[in-house]
Amino acid sequence: MLDFIDKAGKRESILYCIRFKDFLAPIGYIYLEAPKTEQENWKAKVWLNGSMQKKGIMSNALKSLVPMLSDFGIPCLEYSVSAVHDSGQKIFEKIGFQLINESNGLNTYHYKVQ
């Protein structure tokens, strides 16, 4: 945890590994990409093993991560997903992300840290 906070303070990207308690191999990742300029926001990128999808795993992982964003000094987070990827959109909408842009088949969501 302290390593995450240190990386965020230095505006370095953070890789959050998702795994089962008794299984060491990762089943998914949440990647928080640091902004390259002061005008950009942090960006979330996610991946979950196909056999683990539609089980609430990514939703739970994101729900556990979002409250820590303020500890990391991350004021807001963006996530972009294909407009046809309905489940990817629903996951982020469930945890409070707001749709801010729809263009070229890509929907961009924004989460403002409280």
N, C-alpha and C. Protein backbone atom coordinates (compact mmCIF):
# COMPACT_ATOMS: atom_id res chain seq x y z
N MET A 1 0.82 -1.19 0.00
CA MET A 1 0.00 0.00 0.00
C MET A 1 0.87 1.26 0.00
N LEU A 2 1.88 1.29 0.82
CA LEU A 2 2.75 2.47 0.86
C LEU A 2 3.45 2.68 -0.47
N ASP A 3 3.80 1.58 -1.14
CA ASP A 3 4.42 1.69 -2.46
C ASP A 3 3.46 2.34 -3.45
N PHE A 4 2.16 1.98 -3.39
CA PHE A 4 1.16 2.60 -4.25
C PHE A 4 1.10 4.11 -4.00
N ILE A 5 1.02 4.50 -2.75
CA ILE A 5 0.91 5.92 -2.39
C ILE A 5 2.15 6.67 -2.86
N ASP A 6 3.32 6.07 -2.68
CA ASP A 6 4.56 6.69 -3.12
C ASP A 6 4.57 6.88 -4.64
N LYS A 7 4.15 5.85 -5.38
CA LYS A 7 4.12 5.95 -6.85
C LYS A 7 3.14 7.02 -7.31
N ALA A 8 1.97 7.07 -6.69
CA ALA A 8 0.97 8.07 -7.07
C ALA A 8 1.48 9.47 -6.78
N GLY A 9 2.16 9.64 -5.66
CA GLY A 9 2.72 10.94 -5.31
C GLY A 9 3.76 11.39 -6.30
N LYS A 10 4.48 10.46 -6.88
CA LYS A 10 5.49 10.78 -7.89
C LYS A 10 4.88 10.80 -9.29
N ARG A 11 3.55 10.59 -9.36
CA ARG A 11 2.81 10.54 -10.62
C ARG A 11 3.33 9.42 -11.52
N GLU A 12 3.58 8.26 -10.91
CA GLU A 12 3.97 7.07 -11.64
C GLU A 12 2.75 6.15 -11.76
N SER A 13 2.66 5.41 -12.83
CA SER A 13 1.55 4.49 -13.03
C SER A 13 1.56 3.39 -11.98
N ILE A 14 0.37 2.82 -11.73
CA ILE A 14 0.19 1.81 -10.69
C ILE A 14 -0.48 0.59 -11.30
N LEU A 15 0.02 -0.60 -11.02
CA LEU A 15 -0.58 -1.85 -11.47
C LEU A 15 -1.15 -2.58 -10.25
N TYR A 16 -2.45 -2.81 -10.26
CA TYR A 16 -3.17 -3.46 -9.17
C TYR A 16 -3.52 -4.86 -9.65
N CYS A 17 -2.98 -5.88 -9.00
CA CYS A 17 -3.18 -7.27 -9.40
C CYS A 17 -4.40 -7.85 -8.69
N ILE A 18 -5.23 -8.58 -9.44
CA ILE A 18 -6.40 -9.24 -8.88
C ILE A 18 -6.10 -10.74 -8.86
N ARG A 19 -6.25 -11.34 -7.68
CA ARG A 19 -6.03 -12.79 -7.56
C ARG A 19 -6.86 -13.33 -6.42
N PHE A 20 -7.06 -14.63 -6.40
CA PHE A 20 -7.74 -15.28 -5.29
C PHE A 20 -6.76 -15.43 -4.13
N LYS A 21 -7.28 -15.44 -2.92
CA LYS A 21 -6.45 -15.51 -1.73
C LYS A 21 -5.52 -16.74 -1.73
N ASP A 22 -6.03 -17.88 -2.15
CA ASP A 22 -5.25 -19.12 -2.12
C ASP A 22 -4.59 -19.48 -3.45
N PHE A 23 -4.60 -18.54 -4.39
CA PHE A 23 -4.06 -18.82 -5.72
C PHE A 23 -3.16 -17.65 -6.11
N LEU A 24 -1.88 -17.90 -6.29
CA LEU A 24 -0.92 -16.82 -6.50
C LEU A 24 -0.98 -16.18 -7.88
N ALA A 25 -1.39 -16.93 -8.89
CA ALA A 25 -1.39 -16.39 -10.25
C ALA A 25 -2.50 -15.34 -10.39
N PRO A 26 -2.20 -14.23 -11.05
CA PRO A 26 -3.23 -13.20 -11.23
C PRO A 26 -4.33 -13.66 -12.19
N ILE A 27 -5.56 -13.23 -11.87
CA ILE A 27 -6.68 -13.51 -12.77
C ILE A 27 -7.12 -12.23 -13.48
N GLY A 28 -6.53 -11.10 -13.07
CA GLY A 28 -6.86 -9.84 -13.70
C GLY A 28 -5.98 -8.71 -13.19
N TYR A 29 -6.14 -7.56 -13.82
CA TYR A 29 -5.36 -6.38 -13.46
C TYR A 29 -6.21 -5.12 -13.58
N ILE A 30 -5.89 -4.14 -12.75
CA ILE A 30 -6.37 -2.78 -12.92
C ILE A 30 -5.12 -1.93 -13.03
N TYR A 31 -4.96 -1.27 -14.15
CA TYR A 31 -3.78 -0.45 -14.39
C TYR A 31 -4.20 1.01 -14.30
N LEU A 32 -3.59 1.76 -13.42
CA LEU A 32 -3.85 3.19 -13.29
C LEU A 32 -2.70 3.92 -13.97
N GLU A 33 -3.00 4.47 -15.13
CA GLU A 33 -1.98 5.16 -15.93
C GLU A 33 -1.87 6.61 -15.48
N ALA A 34 -0.67 6.98 -15.09
CA ALA A 34 -0.43 8.36 -14.62
C ALA A 34 -0.56 9.34 -15.78
N PRO A 35 -1.06 10.54 -15.50
CA PRO A 35 -1.17 11.55 -16.55
C PRO A 35 0.21 12.00 -17.02
N LYS A 36 0.30 12.29 -18.30
CA LYS A 36 1.58 12.74 -18.87
C LYS A 36 1.73 14.25 -18.75
N THR A 37 0.61 14.96 -18.62
CA THR A 37 0.64 16.41 -18.46
C THR A 37 -0.28 16.79 -17.31
N GLU A 38 -0.19 18.02 -16.85
CA GLU A 38 -1.04 18.51 -15.76
C GLU A 38 -2.51 18.58 -16.17
N GLN A 39 -2.79 18.70 -17.47
CA GLN A 39 -4.16 18.82 -17.95
C GLN A 39 -4.86 17.46 -18.07
N GLU A 40 -4.11 16.39 -18.09
CA GLU A 40 -4.68 15.05 -18.23
C GLU A 40 -5.11 14.49 -16.88
N ASN A 41 -6.01 13.52 -16.91
CA ASN A 41 -6.43 12.79 -15.71
C ASN A 41 -5.75 11.42 -15.68
N TRP A 42 -5.77 10.81 -14.51
CA TRP A 42 -5.36 9.42 -14.41
C TRP A 42 -6.35 8.60 -15.22
N LYS A 43 -5.88 7.51 -15.84
CA LYS A 43 -6.74 6.65 -16.66
C LYS A 43 -6.68 5.22 -16.13
N ALA A 44 -7.84 4.58 -16.08
CA ALA A 44 -7.93 3.18 -15.65
C ALA A 44 -8.00 2.29 -16.88
N LYS A 45 -7.27 1.19 -16.84
CA LYS A 45 -7.35 0.15 -17.87
C LYS A 45 -7.50 -1.16 -17.11
N VAL A 46 -8.41 -2.01 -17.56
CA VAL A 46 -8.68 -3.24 -16.83
C VAL A 46 -8.60 -4.45 -17.74
N TRP A 47 -8.28 -5.59 -17.13
CA TRP A 47 -8.28 -6.87 -17.83
C TRP A 47 -8.65 -7.94 -16.82
N LEU A 48 -9.50 -8.87 -17.24
CA LEU A 48 -9.87 -10.00 -16.41
C LEU A 48 -9.92 -11.25 -17.29
N ASN A 49 -9.33 -12.33 -16.80
CA ASN A 49 -9.34 -13.60 -17.52
C ASN A 49 -10.76 -13.94 -17.95
N GLY A 50 -10.91 -14.39 -19.19
CA GLY A 50 -12.24 -14.67 -19.74
C GLY A 50 -13.09 -15.60 -18.90
N SER A 51 -12.48 -16.62 -18.30
CA SER A 51 -13.25 -17.58 -17.50
C SER A 51 -13.71 -16.98 -16.17
N MET A 52 -13.20 -15.83 -15.80
CA MET A 52 -13.55 -15.17 -14.54
C MET A 52 -14.55 -14.03 -14.73
N GLN A 53 -14.90 -13.73 -15.97
CA GLN A 53 -15.80 -12.62 -16.24
C GLN A 53 -17.24 -12.96 -15.88
N LYS A 54 -18.02 -11.92 -15.65
CA LYS A 54 -19.45 -12.03 -15.32
C LYS A 54 -19.68 -12.73 -13.99
N LYS A 55 -18.74 -12.58 -13.06
CA LYS A 55 -18.87 -13.17 -11.72
C LYS A 55 -18.76 -12.10 -10.63
N GLY A 56 -18.69 -10.83 -11.03
CA GLY A 56 -18.60 -9.74 -10.06
C GLY A 56 -17.20 -9.48 -9.54
N ILE A 57 -16.22 -10.18 -10.07
CA ILE A 57 -14.84 -10.05 -9.58
C ILE A 57 -14.29 -8.66 -9.86
N MET A 58 -14.43 -8.18 -11.10
CA MET A 58 -13.90 -6.86 -11.43
C MET A 58 -14.65 -5.77 -10.68
N SER A 59 -15.95 -5.90 -10.55
CA SER A 59 -16.73 -4.92 -9.79
C SER A 59 -16.23 -4.83 -8.35
N ASN A 60 -16.01 -5.97 -7.73
CA ASN A 60 -15.53 -5.98 -6.34
C ASN A 60 -14.13 -5.40 -6.23
N ALA A 61 -13.27 -5.72 -7.20
CA ALA A 61 -11.91 -5.18 -7.18
C ALA A 61 -11.92 -3.66 -7.32
N LEU A 62 -12.74 -3.16 -8.24
CA LEU A 62 -12.84 -1.71 -8.42
C LEU A 62 -13.45 -1.04 -7.20
N LYS A 63 -14.46 -1.66 -6.60
CA LYS A 63 -15.08 -1.11 -5.39
C LYS A 63 -14.08 -1.01 -4.26
N SER A 64 -13.14 -1.95 -4.18
CA SER A 64 -12.13 -1.91 -3.12
C SER A 64 -11.04 -0.88 -3.42
N LEU A 65 -10.82 -0.60 -4.69
CA LEU A 65 -9.76 0.33 -5.09
C LEU A 65 -10.21 1.79 -5.02
N VAL A 66 -11.44 2.07 -5.44
CA VAL A 66 -11.92 3.45 -5.53
C VAL A 66 -11.77 4.24 -4.21
N PRO A 67 -12.11 3.68 -3.05
CA PRO A 67 -11.94 4.45 -1.82
C PRO A 67 -10.48 4.84 -1.50
N MET A 68 -9.54 4.11 -2.09
CA MET A 68 -8.12 4.40 -1.83
C MET A 68 -7.57 5.49 -2.74
N LEU A 69 -8.32 5.91 -3.76
CA LEU A 69 -7.80 6.89 -4.72
C LEU A 69 -7.40 8.19 -4.04
N SER A 70 -8.17 8.63 -3.06
CA SER A 70 -7.80 9.87 -2.37
C SER A 70 -6.51 9.69 -1.58
N ASP A 71 -6.29 8.50 -1.02
CA ASP A 71 -5.03 8.21 -0.33
C ASP A 71 -3.84 8.30 -1.28
N PHE A 72 -4.08 7.94 -2.55
CA PHE A 72 -3.04 7.99 -3.57
C PHE A 72 -2.83 9.39 -4.11
N GLY A 73 -3.71 10.34 -3.73
CA GLY A 73 -3.61 11.69 -4.27
C GLY A 73 -4.14 11.77 -5.69
N ILE A 74 -5.04 10.87 -6.05
CA ILE A 74 -5.63 10.84 -7.39
C ILE A 74 -6.99 11.53 -7.31
N PRO A 75 -7.12 12.75 -7.87
CA PRO A 75 -8.37 13.51 -7.74
C PRO A 75 -9.50 13.02 -8.63
N CYS A 76 -9.17 12.44 -9.77
CA CYS A 76 -10.20 11.90 -10.67
C CYS A 76 -9.58 10.83 -11.55
N LEU A 77 -10.46 10.01 -12.09
CA LEU A 77 -10.02 8.85 -12.87
C LEU A 77 -10.92 8.73 -14.09
N GLU A 78 -10.34 8.41 -15.24
CA GLU A 78 -11.10 8.21 -16.47
C GLU A 78 -10.96 6.77 -16.94
N TYR A 79 -12.00 6.32 -17.63
CA TYR A 79 -12.00 4.98 -18.20
C TYR A 79 -12.69 5.06 -19.55
N SER A 80 -12.08 4.53 -20.59
CA SER A 80 -12.69 4.51 -21.92
C SER A 80 -12.97 3.06 -22.32
N VAL A 81 -14.12 2.85 -22.93
CA VAL A 81 -14.54 1.51 -23.32
C VAL A 81 -15.31 1.59 -24.63
N SER A 82 -15.21 0.54 -25.41
CA SER A 82 -15.96 0.46 -26.66
C SER A 82 -17.45 0.61 -26.37
N ALA A 83 -18.13 1.36 -27.22
CA ALA A 83 -19.57 1.59 -27.05
C ALA A 83 -20.37 0.29 -27.12
N VAL A 84 -19.82 -0.75 -27.73
CA VAL A 84 -20.54 -2.03 -27.84
C VAL A 84 -20.22 -2.99 -26.69
N HIS A 85 -19.30 -2.61 -25.82
CA HIS A 85 -18.91 -3.46 -24.69
C HIS A 85 -19.77 -3.11 -23.47
N ASP A 86 -20.98 -3.61 -23.49
CA ASP A 86 -21.99 -3.25 -22.48
C ASP A 86 -21.56 -3.58 -21.06
N SER A 87 -20.98 -4.77 -20.84
CA SER A 87 -20.61 -5.15 -19.47
C SER A 87 -19.48 -4.27 -18.93
N GLY A 88 -18.56 -3.85 -19.79
CA GLY A 88 -17.49 -2.94 -19.35
C GLY A 88 -18.03 -1.60 -18.91
N GLN A 89 -19.07 -1.13 -19.58
CA GLN A 89 -19.69 0.13 -19.21
C GLN A 89 -20.44 0.00 -17.89
N LYS A 90 -21.18 -1.08 -17.73
CA LYS A 90 -22.00 -1.27 -16.53
C LYS A 90 -21.15 -1.36 -15.26
N ILE A 91 -20.01 -2.00 -15.35
CA ILE A 91 -19.14 -2.13 -14.18
C ILE A 91 -18.78 -0.75 -13.64
N PHE A 92 -18.36 0.14 -14.53
CA PHE A 92 -17.93 1.46 -14.09
C PHE A 92 -19.11 2.35 -13.69
N GLU A 93 -20.24 2.20 -14.34
CA GLU A 93 -21.43 2.96 -13.96
C GLU A 93 -21.89 2.57 -12.56
N LYS A 94 -21.81 1.28 -12.23
CA LYS A 94 -22.25 0.79 -10.92
C LYS A 94 -21.47 1.42 -9.77
N ILE A 95 -20.20 1.72 -10.01
CA ILE A 95 -19.39 2.26 -8.90
C ILE A 95 -19.29 3.79 -8.94
N GLY A 96 -20.09 4.43 -9.79
CA GLY A 96 -20.20 5.88 -9.74
C GLY A 96 -19.52 6.67 -10.84
N PHE A 97 -18.98 6.01 -11.86
CA PHE A 97 -18.40 6.74 -12.99
C PHE A 97 -19.52 7.34 -13.82
N GLN A 98 -19.30 8.54 -14.34
CA GLN A 98 -20.29 9.23 -15.17
C GLN A 98 -19.80 9.28 -16.61
N LEU A 99 -20.70 9.01 -17.55
CA LEU A 99 -20.36 9.10 -18.97
C LEU A 99 -20.15 10.57 -19.33
N ILE A 100 -18.97 10.90 -19.87
CA ILE A 100 -18.69 12.30 -20.22
C ILE A 100 -18.50 12.52 -21.71
N ASN A 101 -18.28 11.44 -22.47
CA ASN A 101 -18.04 11.62 -23.89
C ASN A 101 -18.37 10.34 -24.66
N GLU A 102 -19.04 10.50 -25.79
CA GLU A 102 -19.32 9.40 -26.70
C GLU A 102 -18.86 9.83 -28.08
N SER A 103 -17.78 9.23 -28.57
CA SER A 103 -17.33 9.58 -29.92
C SER A 103 -16.55 8.44 -30.54
N ASN A 104 -16.71 8.28 -31.84
CA ASN A 104 -15.99 7.27 -32.62
C ASN A 104 -16.10 5.87 -32.04
N GLY A 105 -17.27 5.52 -31.50
CA GLY A 105 -17.48 4.19 -30.96
C GLY A 105 -16.82 3.94 -29.62
N LEU A 106 -16.36 5.01 -28.98
CA LEU A 106 -15.68 4.89 -27.69
C LEU A 106 -16.40 5.77 -26.67
N ASN A 107 -16.76 5.18 -25.54
CA ASN A 107 -17.40 5.92 -24.45
C ASN A 107 -16.37 6.18 -23.37
N THR A 108 -16.29 7.42 -22.91
CA THR A 108 -15.34 7.78 -21.85
C THR A 108 -16.12 8.13 -20.59
N TYR A 109 -15.71 7.51 -19.49
CA TYR A 109 -16.33 7.71 -18.18
C TYR A 109 -15.36 8.45 -17.27
N HIS A 110 -15.91 9.18 -16.31
CA HIS A 110 -15.11 9.99 -15.40
C HIS A 110 -15.59 9.74 -13.98
N TYR A 111 -14.64 9.62 -13.05
CA TYR A 111 -14.97 9.47 -11.64
C TYR A 111 -14.25 10.54 -10.85
N LYS A 112 -15.00 11.38 -10.15
CA LYS A 112 -14.43 12.44 -9.32
C LYS A 112 -14.32 11.89 -7.90
N VAL A 113 -13.12 11.87 -7.36
CA VAL A 113 -12.88 11.33 -6.02
C VAL A 113 -13.45 12.31 -5.00
N GLN A 114 -14.22 11.76 -4.06
CA GLN A 114 -14.86 12.60 -3.02
C GLN A 114 -13.84 13.04 -1.99
